[in-house]
């Protein structure tokens, strides 16, 4: 995943991600554990950056390995959808004109997560 400039009239200067390390890391581990219970994962790695990131910088990487690629792809998508809605990160955008605003949760991310709940 990348830091996206949301196509506003004023370019994004940077995105700042805040978190409480222990709380956030425990939640990421819980999400991966849940995915491991649904799909036969051989390995999984999640790297989520924090701090100040410029537009188009990498923000998150999810790697999932399984004997079957469909399981790995599904697990990675599940983990990404849950990271966006359940992992405790706070994102603040700063624009080139100095305006700052907190990023609100998107309804589309909630809907993406809910599709997995319907499949249980």
N, C-alpha and C. Protein backbone atom coordinates (compact mmCIF):
# COMPACT_ATOMS: atom_id res chain seq x y z
N UNK A 1 0.83 -1.19 0.00
CA UNK A 1 0.00 0.00 0.00
C UNK A 1 0.87 1.24 0.00
N UNK A 2 0.34 2.28 -0.59
CA UNK A 2 1.05 3.55 -0.71
C UNK A 2 0.31 4.68 -0.01
N UNK A 3 1.04 5.70 0.40
CA UNK A 3 0.43 6.95 0.87
C UNK A 3 -0.13 7.64 -0.37
N UNK A 4 -1.42 7.90 -0.36
CA UNK A 4 -2.05 8.49 -1.53
C UNK A 4 -2.35 9.97 -1.32
N UNK A 5 -2.04 10.75 -2.35
CA UNK A 5 -2.46 12.15 -2.39
C UNK A 5 -3.89 12.11 -2.92
N UNK A 6 -4.81 12.62 -2.19
CA UNK A 6 -6.23 12.44 -2.48
C UNK A 6 -6.78 13.35 -3.58
N UNK A 7 -5.93 13.78 -4.47
CA UNK A 7 -6.36 14.59 -5.61
C UNK A 7 -7.12 15.85 -5.21
N UNK A 8 -6.65 16.48 -4.13
CA UNK A 8 -7.24 17.76 -3.75
C UNK A 8 -6.52 18.86 -4.51
N UNK A 9 -7.04 20.06 -4.45
CA UNK A 9 -6.41 21.19 -5.14
C UNK A 9 -5.03 21.49 -4.57
N UNK A 10 -4.83 21.18 -3.29
CA UNK A 10 -3.55 21.43 -2.64
C UNK A 10 -2.83 20.10 -2.43
N UNK A 11 -1.61 19.96 -2.94
CA UNK A 11 -0.89 18.68 -2.82
C UNK A 11 -0.60 18.30 -1.36
N UNK A 12 -0.55 17.00 -1.12
CA UNK A 12 -0.20 16.47 0.19
C UNK A 12 1.30 16.65 0.42
N UNK A 13 1.67 17.26 1.53
CA UNK A 13 3.09 17.39 1.89
C UNK A 13 3.58 16.08 2.52
N UNK A 14 2.80 15.57 3.49
CA UNK A 14 3.13 14.29 4.10
C UNK A 14 1.96 13.78 4.92
N UNK A 15 2.04 12.51 5.27
CA UNK A 15 1.10 11.85 6.15
C UNK A 15 1.87 11.44 7.39
N UNK A 16 1.30 11.68 8.56
CA UNK A 16 1.95 11.27 9.80
C UNK A 16 1.09 10.21 10.46
N UNK A 17 1.67 9.05 10.74
CA UNK A 17 0.96 7.95 11.39
C UNK A 17 1.43 7.83 12.83
N UNK A 18 0.47 7.85 13.73
CA UNK A 18 0.75 7.65 15.16
C UNK A 18 0.19 6.31 15.59
N UNK A 19 0.79 5.74 16.63
CA UNK A 19 0.28 4.49 17.19
C UNK A 19 0.85 4.30 18.59
N UNK A 20 0.24 3.38 19.33
CA UNK A 20 0.80 2.91 20.59
C UNK A 20 1.43 1.56 20.27
N UNK A 21 2.76 1.47 20.24
CA UNK A 21 3.43 0.28 19.71
C UNK A 21 2.89 -1.06 20.23
N UNK A 22 2.82 -1.23 21.53
CA UNK A 22 2.40 -2.53 22.06
C UNK A 22 0.96 -2.85 21.68
N UNK A 23 0.08 -1.88 21.78
CA UNK A 23 -1.32 -2.10 21.43
C UNK A 23 -1.47 -2.42 19.95
N UNK A 24 -0.81 -1.64 19.11
CA UNK A 24 -0.90 -1.83 17.67
C UNK A 24 -0.30 -3.17 17.26
N UNK A 25 0.87 -3.50 17.79
CA UNK A 25 1.51 -4.76 17.43
C UNK A 25 0.69 -5.96 17.89
N UNK A 26 0.07 -5.86 19.06
CA UNK A 26 -0.79 -6.95 19.53
C UNK A 26 -2.01 -7.12 18.63
N UNK A 27 -2.56 -6.04 18.15
CA UNK A 27 -3.73 -6.12 17.27
C UNK A 27 -3.34 -6.71 15.91
N UNK A 28 -2.19 -6.32 15.39
CA UNK A 28 -1.72 -6.90 14.13
C UNK A 28 -1.51 -8.41 14.30
N UNK A 29 -0.92 -8.82 15.41
CA UNK A 29 -0.72 -10.25 15.68
C UNK A 29 -2.06 -10.98 15.77
N UNK A 30 -3.05 -10.34 16.38
CA UNK A 30 -4.38 -10.96 16.49
C UNK A 30 -5.00 -11.14 15.10
N UNK A 31 -4.86 -10.13 14.26
CA UNK A 31 -5.41 -10.20 12.90
C UNK A 31 -4.74 -11.34 12.12
N UNK A 32 -3.42 -11.44 12.22
CA UNK A 32 -2.69 -12.51 11.53
C UNK A 32 -3.11 -13.87 12.07
N UNK A 33 -3.28 -13.98 13.38
CA UNK A 33 -3.72 -15.24 13.99
C UNK A 33 -5.10 -15.62 13.47
N UNK A 34 -5.99 -14.67 13.36
CA UNK A 34 -7.33 -14.94 12.83
C UNK A 34 -7.24 -15.43 11.39
N UNK A 35 -6.41 -14.80 10.59
CA UNK A 35 -6.22 -15.25 9.20
C UNK A 35 -5.66 -16.67 9.17
N UNK A 36 -4.73 -16.96 10.08
CA UNK A 36 -4.12 -18.29 10.13
C UNK A 36 -5.12 -19.38 10.52
N UNK A 37 -6.17 -19.00 11.21
CA UNK A 37 -7.22 -19.96 11.57
C UNK A 37 -8.17 -20.21 10.40
N UNK A 38 -8.23 -19.27 9.46
CA UNK A 38 -9.13 -19.41 8.31
C UNK A 38 -8.46 -20.05 7.10
N UNK A 39 -7.15 -19.82 6.95
CA UNK A 39 -6.40 -20.33 5.79
C UNK A 39 -5.14 -21.03 6.29
N UNK A 40 -4.68 -22.05 5.56
CA UNK A 40 -3.48 -22.78 5.98
C UNK A 40 -2.19 -22.02 5.60
N UNK A 41 -1.85 -21.03 6.40
CA UNK A 41 -0.67 -20.22 6.11
C UNK A 41 0.60 -20.91 6.60
N UNK A 42 1.61 -20.91 5.76
CA UNK A 42 2.92 -21.41 6.15
C UNK A 42 3.72 -20.32 6.84
N UNK A 43 3.47 -19.07 6.43
CA UNK A 43 4.17 -17.92 7.01
C UNK A 43 3.39 -16.65 6.68
N UNK A 44 3.60 -15.64 7.49
CA UNK A 44 2.96 -14.34 7.24
C UNK A 44 3.81 -13.25 7.89
N UNK A 45 3.98 -12.16 7.16
CA UNK A 45 4.70 -11.00 7.67
C UNK A 45 3.89 -9.75 7.35
N UNK A 46 3.77 -8.88 8.32
CA UNK A 46 3.12 -7.58 8.12
C UNK A 46 4.11 -6.51 8.56
N UNK A 47 4.37 -5.58 7.67
CA UNK A 47 5.21 -4.43 7.99
C UNK A 47 4.36 -3.19 7.77
N UNK A 48 4.13 -2.44 8.83
CA UNK A 48 3.34 -1.21 8.74
C UNK A 48 4.21 -0.07 9.26
N UNK A 49 4.48 0.87 8.40
CA UNK A 49 5.34 1.99 8.78
C UNK A 49 4.55 3.01 9.61
N UNK A 50 5.27 3.77 10.41
CA UNK A 50 4.69 4.86 11.20
C UNK A 50 5.60 6.07 11.06
N UNK A 51 5.13 7.19 11.58
CA UNK A 51 5.90 8.42 11.48
C UNK A 51 5.51 9.19 10.24
N UNK A 52 6.41 10.04 9.78
CA UNK A 52 6.13 10.92 8.64
C UNK A 52 6.48 10.23 7.32
N UNK A 53 5.50 10.19 6.42
CA UNK A 53 5.66 9.56 5.11
C UNK A 53 5.17 10.52 4.03
N UNK A 54 5.91 10.60 2.95
CA UNK A 54 5.53 11.44 1.81
C UNK A 54 4.55 10.70 0.91
N UNK A 55 3.86 11.45 0.07
CA UNK A 55 2.96 10.85 -0.91
C UNK A 55 3.73 9.84 -1.76
N UNK A 56 3.08 8.74 -2.06
CA UNK A 56 3.62 7.64 -2.88
C UNK A 56 4.66 6.78 -2.16
N UNK A 57 4.93 7.04 -0.89
CA UNK A 57 5.82 6.15 -0.14
C UNK A 57 5.04 4.91 0.28
N UNK A 58 5.77 3.80 0.43
CA UNK A 58 5.16 2.57 0.92
C UNK A 58 4.71 2.79 2.37
N UNK A 59 3.50 2.32 2.69
CA UNK A 59 2.99 2.45 4.04
C UNK A 59 2.81 1.09 4.70
N UNK A 60 2.39 0.09 3.93
CA UNK A 60 2.14 -1.22 4.50
C UNK A 60 2.49 -2.31 3.49
N UNK A 61 2.99 -3.42 4.03
CA UNK A 61 3.32 -4.59 3.22
C UNK A 61 2.77 -5.81 3.95
N UNK A 62 2.00 -6.62 3.24
CA UNK A 62 1.48 -7.86 3.79
C UNK A 62 1.98 -9.00 2.90
N UNK A 63 2.70 -9.94 3.51
CA UNK A 63 3.19 -11.12 2.80
C UNK A 63 2.56 -12.35 3.43
N UNK A 64 1.95 -13.17 2.61
CA UNK A 64 1.34 -14.41 3.10
C UNK A 64 1.81 -15.56 2.22
N UNK A 65 2.19 -16.65 2.86
CA UNK A 65 2.64 -17.84 2.13
C UNK A 65 1.78 -19.03 2.53
N UNK A 66 1.42 -19.81 1.52
CA UNK A 66 0.61 -21.00 1.74
C UNK A 66 0.95 -22.00 0.64
N UNK A 67 0.61 -23.24 0.84
CA UNK A 67 0.84 -24.25 -0.19
C UNK A 67 0.01 -23.95 -1.43
N UNK A 68 -1.08 -23.22 -1.25
CA UNK A 68 -1.97 -22.89 -2.37
C UNK A 68 -2.09 -21.37 -2.48
N UNK A 69 -1.85 -20.84 -3.67
CA UNK A 69 -1.82 -19.38 -3.86
C UNK A 69 -3.15 -18.72 -3.53
N UNK A 70 -4.27 -19.38 -3.80
CA UNK A 70 -5.57 -18.76 -3.50
C UNK A 70 -5.72 -18.50 -2.01
N UNK A 71 -5.24 -19.42 -1.19
CA UNK A 71 -5.28 -19.23 0.26
C UNK A 71 -4.40 -18.06 0.67
N UNK A 72 -3.21 -17.97 0.08
CA UNK A 72 -2.30 -16.88 0.42
C UNK A 72 -2.88 -15.53 0.00
N UNK A 73 -3.45 -15.47 -1.21
CA UNK A 73 -4.04 -14.21 -1.69
C UNK A 73 -5.23 -13.80 -0.82
N UNK A 74 -6.10 -14.74 -0.50
CA UNK A 74 -7.27 -14.44 0.32
C UNK A 74 -6.84 -13.97 1.71
N UNK A 75 -5.87 -14.65 2.30
CA UNK A 75 -5.40 -14.26 3.63
C UNK A 75 -4.79 -12.87 3.61
N UNK A 76 -4.00 -12.56 2.59
CA UNK A 76 -3.39 -11.23 2.50
C UNK A 76 -4.47 -10.15 2.35
N UNK A 77 -5.48 -10.41 1.54
CA UNK A 77 -6.57 -9.44 1.37
C UNK A 77 -7.34 -9.26 2.68
N UNK A 78 -7.63 -10.35 3.36
CA UNK A 78 -8.30 -10.32 4.66
C UNK A 78 -7.50 -9.47 5.65
N UNK A 79 -6.19 -9.75 5.74
CA UNK A 79 -5.34 -9.02 6.68
C UNK A 79 -5.34 -7.53 6.35
N UNK A 80 -5.22 -7.19 5.09
CA UNK A 80 -5.22 -5.78 4.70
C UNK A 80 -6.55 -5.11 5.06
N UNK A 81 -7.65 -5.78 4.78
CA UNK A 81 -8.96 -5.21 5.11
C UNK A 81 -9.11 -4.99 6.62
N UNK A 82 -8.62 -5.92 7.40
CA UNK A 82 -8.72 -5.77 8.86
C UNK A 82 -7.73 -4.74 9.40
N UNK A 83 -6.55 -4.64 8.79
CA UNK A 83 -5.61 -3.60 9.21
C UNK A 83 -6.24 -2.22 9.06
N UNK A 84 -6.93 -2.01 7.96
CA UNK A 84 -7.51 -0.69 7.67
C UNK A 84 -8.61 -0.31 8.65
N UNK A 85 -9.26 -1.31 9.26
CA UNK A 85 -10.40 -1.01 10.12
C UNK A 85 -10.16 -1.31 11.60
N UNK A 86 -9.25 -2.23 11.91
CA UNK A 86 -9.09 -2.68 13.29
C UNK A 86 -7.78 -2.27 13.94
N UNK A 87 -6.73 -2.12 13.16
CA UNK A 87 -5.43 -1.77 13.76
C UNK A 87 -5.44 -0.31 14.20
N UNK A 88 -5.03 -0.05 15.43
CA UNK A 88 -5.09 1.32 15.96
C UNK A 88 -3.94 2.21 15.47
N UNK A 89 -4.19 2.85 14.35
CA UNK A 89 -3.31 3.87 13.81
C UNK A 89 -4.11 5.16 13.68
N UNK A 90 -3.47 6.29 13.89
CA UNK A 90 -4.09 7.58 13.69
C UNK A 90 -3.29 8.30 12.63
N UNK A 91 -3.99 8.78 11.60
CA UNK A 91 -3.32 9.37 10.44
C UNK A 91 -3.68 10.85 10.33
N UNK A 92 -2.64 11.67 10.21
CA UNK A 92 -2.85 13.10 10.02
C UNK A 92 -2.19 13.53 8.72
N UNK A 93 -2.97 14.15 7.83
CA UNK A 93 -2.45 14.67 6.58
C UNK A 93 -2.01 16.12 6.77
N UNK A 94 -0.86 16.46 6.20
CA UNK A 94 -0.41 17.84 6.16
C UNK A 94 -0.23 18.20 4.69
N UNK A 95 -0.86 19.30 4.28
CA UNK A 95 -0.83 19.72 2.89
C UNK A 95 0.23 20.79 2.68
N UNK A 96 0.56 21.04 1.42
CA UNK A 96 1.63 21.98 1.08
C UNK A 96 1.34 23.40 1.56
N UNK A 97 0.07 23.74 1.81
CA UNK A 97 -0.27 25.07 2.32
C UNK A 97 -0.26 25.13 3.84
N UNK A 98 0.12 24.01 4.51
CA UNK A 98 0.19 23.98 5.96
C UNK A 98 -1.06 23.45 6.64
N UNK A 99 -2.16 23.30 5.91
CA UNK A 99 -3.40 22.77 6.48
C UNK A 99 -3.16 21.34 6.95
N UNK A 100 -3.66 21.02 8.14
CA UNK A 100 -3.57 19.67 8.68
C UNK A 100 -4.97 19.15 8.96
N UNK A 101 -5.17 17.84 8.73
CA UNK A 101 -6.45 17.24 9.08
C UNK A 101 -6.25 15.75 9.36
N UNK A 102 -7.04 15.26 10.32
CA UNK A 102 -7.02 13.84 10.65
C UNK A 102 -7.81 13.09 9.59
N UNK A 103 -7.32 11.92 9.22
CA UNK A 103 -7.98 11.09 8.22
C UNK A 103 -9.07 10.29 8.92
N UNK A 104 -10.27 10.37 8.38
CA UNK A 104 -11.40 9.63 8.94
C UNK A 104 -11.51 8.26 8.29
N UNK A 105 -12.10 7.34 9.01
CA UNK A 105 -12.33 5.99 8.48
C UNK A 105 -13.24 6.09 7.26
N UNK A 106 -12.97 5.22 6.28
CA UNK A 106 -13.78 5.22 5.06
C UNK A 106 -14.82 4.11 5.13
N UNK A 107 -16.02 4.43 4.67
CA UNK A 107 -17.10 3.45 4.64
C UNK A 107 -16.72 2.25 3.77
N UNK A 108 -15.99 2.50 2.69
CA UNK A 108 -15.60 1.40 1.79
C UNK A 108 -14.70 0.39 2.50
N UNK A 109 -13.86 0.85 3.44
CA UNK A 109 -13.01 -0.06 4.20
C UNK A 109 -13.84 -0.92 5.15
N UNK A 110 -14.84 -0.31 5.77
CA UNK A 110 -15.74 -1.05 6.66
C UNK A 110 -16.51 -2.11 5.87
N UNK A 111 -17.00 -1.74 4.70
CA UNK A 111 -17.72 -2.70 3.86
C UNK A 111 -16.83 -3.86 3.42
N UNK A 112 -15.57 -3.56 3.11
CA UNK A 112 -14.62 -4.60 2.71
C UNK A 112 -14.40 -5.59 3.85
N UNK A 113 -14.30 -5.09 5.07
CA UNK A 113 -14.12 -5.96 6.23
C UNK A 113 -15.38 -6.79 6.48
N UNK A 114 -16.53 -6.18 6.32
CA UNK A 114 -17.78 -6.88 6.59
C UNK A 114 -18.02 -8.05 5.65
N UNK A 115 -17.48 -8.00 4.45
CA UNK A 115 -17.67 -9.13 3.52
C UNK A 115 -17.02 -10.40 4.09
N UNK A 116 -15.93 -10.25 4.85
CA UNK A 116 -15.28 -11.41 5.45
C UNK A 116 -16.12 -11.97 6.59
N UNK A 117 -16.82 -11.11 7.31
CA UNK A 117 -17.67 -11.57 8.40
C UNK A 117 -18.85 -12.37 7.87
N UNK A 118 -19.32 -12.02 6.67
CA UNK A 118 -20.43 -12.75 6.06
C UNK A 118 -20.00 -14.13 5.60
N UNK A 119 -18.69 -14.33 5.37
CA UNK A 119 -18.17 -15.60 4.86
C UNK A 119 -17.81 -16.59 5.96
N UNK A 120 -18.02 -16.23 7.22
CA UNK A 120 -17.65 -17.16 8.30
C UNK A 120 -18.69 -18.23 8.48
